[in-house]
Amino acid sequence: MFYEEDFFENFSDWQTDERERFKVLRERMENENPGAFEE
């Protein structure tokens, strides 16, 4: 059975984890390559 509420709760948790991981990765890359992500 597919429970939509559980799916969206888990999905938002997963998104939060991914966002934190991406933020850390991006910060690390910016430290290694200053100016690489300048707009």
PDB file of N, CA and C in Angstrom:
ATOM      1  N   MET A   1       0.849  -1.201   0.000  1.00  0.00           N
ATOM      2  CA  MET A   1       0.000   0.000   0.000  1.00  0.00           C
ATOM      3  C   MET A   1       0.884   1.250   0.000  1.00  0.00           C
ATOM      4  N   PHE A   2       0.449   2.249  -0.689  1.00  0.00           N
ATOM      5  CA  PHE A   2       1.233   3.481  -0.814  1.00  0.00           C
ATOM      6  C   PHE A   2       0.644   4.562   0.080  1.00  0.00           C
ATOM      7  N   TYR A   3       1.445   5.012   1.040  1.00  0.00           N
ATOM      8  CA  TYR A   3       0.978   6.044   1.972  1.00  0.00           C
ATOM      9  C   TYR A   3       1.639   7.363   1.621  1.00  0.00           C
ATOM     10  N   GLU A   4       0.845   8.258   1.082  1.00  0.00           N
ATOM     11  CA  GLU A   4       1.383   9.505   0.555  1.00  0.00           C
ATOM     12  C   GLU A   4       2.032  10.358   1.648  1.00  0.00           C
ATOM     13  N   GLU A   5       1.387  10.424   2.820  1.00  0.00           N
ATOM     14  CA  GLU A   5       1.923  11.274   3.891  1.00  0.00           C
ATOM     15  C   GLU A   5       3.318  10.807   4.291  1.00  0.00           C
ATOM     16  N   ASP A   6       3.471   9.495   4.483  1.00  0.00           N
ATOM     17  CA  ASP A   6       4.780   8.958   4.863  1.00  0.00           C
ATOM     18  C   ASP A   6       5.805   9.267   3.786  1.00  0.00           C
ATOM     19  N   PHE A   7       5.407   9.106   2.537  1.00  0.00           N
ATOM     20  CA  PHE A   7       6.337   9.362   1.444  1.00  0.00           C
ATOM     21  C   PHE A   7       6.832  10.802   1.492  1.00  0.00           C
ATOM     22  N   PHE A   8       5.918  11.750   1.641  1.00  0.00           N
ATOM     23  CA  PHE A   8       6.329  13.158   1.617  1.00  0.00           C
ATOM     24  C   PHE A   8       7.153  13.519   2.851  1.00  0.00           C
ATOM     25  N   GLU A   9       6.833  12.919   4.004  1.00  0.00           N
ATOM     26  CA  GLU A   9       7.643  13.161   5.203  1.00  0.00           C
ATOM     27  C   GLU A   9       9.060  12.660   4.978  1.00  0.00           C
ATOM     28  N   ASN A  10       9.181  11.435   4.495  1.00  0.00           N
ATOM     29  CA  ASN A  10      10.501  10.855   4.259  1.00  0.00           C
ATOM     30  C   ASN A  10      11.233  11.622   3.172  1.00  0.00           C
ATOM     31  N   PHE A  11      10.510  12.040   2.149  1.00  0.00           N
ATOM     32  CA  PHE A  11      11.135  12.752   1.040  1.00  0.00           C
ATOM     33  C   PHE A  11      11.692  14.086   1.511  1.00  0.00           C
ATOM     34  N   SER A  12      10.941  14.804   2.350  1.00  0.00           N
ATOM     35  CA  SER A  12      11.438  16.097   2.826  1.00  0.00           C
ATOM     36  C   SER A  12      12.654  15.889   3.727  1.00  0.00           C
ATOM     37  N   ASP A  13      12.660  14.817   4.526  1.00  0.00           N
ATOM     38  CA  ASP A  13      13.844  14.510   5.334  1.00  0.00           C
ATOM     39  C   ASP A  13      15.032  14.245   4.429  1.00  0.00           C
ATOM     40  N   TRP A  14      14.811  13.459   3.374  1.00  0.00           N
ATOM     41  CA  TRP A  14      15.881  13.136   2.439  1.00  0.00           C
ATOM     42  C   TRP A  14      16.383  14.408   1.760  1.00  0.00           C
ATOM     43  N   GLN A  15      15.476  15.281   1.361  1.00  0.00           N
ATOM     44  CA  GLN A  15      15.868  16.544   0.724  1.00  0.00           C
ATOM     45  C   GLN A  15      16.723  17.377   1.668  1.00  0.00           C
ATOM     46  N   THR A  16      16.352  17.420   2.933  1.00  0.00           N
ATOM     47  CA  THR A  16      17.117  18.199   3.909  1.00  0.00           C
ATOM     48  C   THR A  16      18.522  17.636   4.033  1.00  0.00           C
ATOM     49  N   ASP A  17      18.639  16.301   4.117  1.00  0.00           N
ATOM     50  CA  ASP A  17      19.963  15.677   4.196  1.00  0.00           C
ATOM     51  C   ASP A  17      20.783  16.007   2.963  1.00  0.00           C
ATOM     52  N   GLU A  18      20.164  15.900   1.792  1.00  0.00           N
ATOM     53  CA  GLU A  18      20.883  16.181   0.547  1.00  0.00           C
ATOM     54  C   GLU A  18      21.326  17.632   0.492  1.00  0.00           C
ATOM     55  N   ARG A  19      20.473  18.543   0.946  1.00  0.00           N
ATOM     56  CA  ARG A  19      20.796  19.966   0.907  1.00  0.00           C
ATOM     57  C   ARG A  19      21.988  20.253   1.821  1.00  0.00           C
ATOM     58  N   GLU A  20      21.986  19.653   3.031  1.00  0.00           N
ATOM     59  CA  GLU A  20      23.110  19.840   3.958  1.00  0.00           C
ATOM     60  C   GLU A  20      24.395  19.298   3.343  1.00  0.00           C
ATOM     61  N   ARG A  21      24.303  18.104   2.742  1.00  0.00           N
ATOM     62  CA  ARG A  21      25.483  17.473   2.152  1.00  0.00           C
ATOM     63  C   ARG A  21      26.011  18.331   1.013  1.00  0.00           C
ATOM     64  N   PHE A  22      25.111  18.854   0.190  1.00  0.00           N
ATOM     65  CA  PHE A  22      25.513  19.693  -0.938  1.00  0.00           C
ATOM     66  C   PHE A  22      26.169  20.973  -0.443  1.00  0.00           C
ATOM     67  N   LYS A  23      25.613  21.553   0.627  1.00  0.00           N
ATOM     68  CA  LYS A  23      26.164  22.795   1.177  1.00  0.00           C
ATOM     69  C   LYS A  23      27.601  22.560   1.641  1.00  0.00           C
ATOM     70  N   VAL A  24      27.826  21.445   2.353  1.00  0.00           N
ATOM     71  CA  VAL A  24      29.170  21.125   2.842  1.00  0.00           C
ATOM     72  C   VAL A  24      30.111  20.899   1.665  1.00  0.00           C
ATOM     73  N   LEU A  25      29.653  20.151   0.679  1.00  0.00           N
ATOM     74  CA  LEU A  25      30.482  19.868  -0.494  1.00  0.00           C
ATOM     75  C   LEU A  25      30.828  21.148  -1.233  1.00  0.00           C
ATOM     76  N   ARG A  26      29.847  22.007  -1.394  1.00  0.00           N
ATOM     77  CA  ARG A  26      30.080  23.260  -2.101  1.00  0.00           C
ATOM     78  C   ARG A  26      31.064  24.152  -1.340  1.00  0.00           C
ATOM     79  N   GLU A  27      30.903  24.216  -0.012  1.00  0.00           N
ATOM     80  CA  GLU A  27      31.834  25.014   0.797  1.00  0.00           C
ATOM     81  C   GLU A  27      33.250  24.479   0.652  1.00  0.00           C
ATOM     82  N   ARG A  28      33.410  23.157   0.666  1.00  0.00           N
ATOM     83  CA  ARG A  28      34.728  22.548   0.536  1.00  0.00           C
ATOM     84  C   ARG A  28      35.329  22.894  -0.827  1.00  0.00           C
ATOM     85  N   MET A  29      34.512  22.827  -1.872  1.00  0.00           N
ATOM     86  CA  MET A  29      35.008  23.133  -3.214  1.00  0.00           C
ATOM     87  C   MET A  29      35.375  24.613  -3.330  1.00  0.00           C
ATOM     88  N   GLU A  30      34.593  25.479  -2.688  1.00  0.00           N
ATOM     89  CA  GLU A  30      34.914  26.909  -2.723  1.00  0.00           C
ATOM     90  C   GLU A  30      36.228  27.178  -2.001  1.00  0.00           C
ATOM     91  N   ASN A  31      36.485  26.447  -0.927  1.00  0.00           N
ATOM     92  CA  ASN A  31      37.740  26.621  -0.197  1.00  0.00           C
ATOM     93  C   ASN A  31      38.923  26.165  -1.047  1.00  0.00           C
ATOM     94  N   GLU A  32      38.730  25.096  -1.826  1.00  0.00           N
ATOM     95  CA  GLU A  32      39.810  24.587  -2.666  1.00  0.00           C
ATOM     96  C   GLU A  32      39.993  25.438  -3.914  1.00  0.00           C
ATOM     97  N   ASN A  33      38.900  26.004  -4.426  1.00  0.00           N
ATOM     98  CA  ASN A  33      38.957  26.786  -5.667  1.00  0.00           C
ATOM     99  C   ASN A  33      38.293  28.142  -5.453  1.00  0.00           C
ATOM    100  N   PRO A  34      38.971  29.074  -4.802  1.00  0.00           N
ATOM    101  CA  PRO A  34      38.350  30.383  -4.548  1.00  0.00           C
ATOM    102  C   PRO A  34      37.916  31.048  -5.846  1.00  0.00           C
ATOM    103  N   GLY A  35      36.674  31.545  -5.860  1.00  0.00           N
ATOM    104  CA  GLY A  35      36.188  32.244  -7.039  1.00  0.00           C
ATOM    105  C   GLY A  35      35.576  31.339  -8.089  1.00  0.00           C
ATOM    106  N   ALA A  36      35.614  30.032  -7.882  1.00  0.00           N
ATOM    107  CA  ALA A  36      35.100  29.109  -8.898  1.00  0.00           C
ATOM    108  C   ALA A  36      33.587  29.249  -9.058  1.00  0.00           C
ATOM    109  N   PHE A  37      32.897  29.635  -7.977  1.00  0.00           N
ATOM    110  CA  PHE A  37      31.440  29.699  -8.027  1.00  0.00           C
ATOM    111  C   PHE A  37      30.920  31.128  -8.067  1.00  0.00           C
ATOM    112  N   GLU A  38      31.781  32.056  -8.384  1.00  0.00           N
ATOM    113  CA  GLU A  38      31.329  33.450  -8.475  1.00  0.00           C
ATOM    114  C   GLU A  38      30.358  33.605  -9.633  1.00  0.00           C
ATOM    115  N   GLU A  39      29.276  34.346  -9.380  1.00  0.00           N
ATOM    116  CA  GLU A  39      28.290  34.574 -10.452  1.00  0.00           C
ATOM    117  C   GLU A  39      28.795  35.626 -11.409  1.00  0.00           C
TER     118      GLU A  39
END
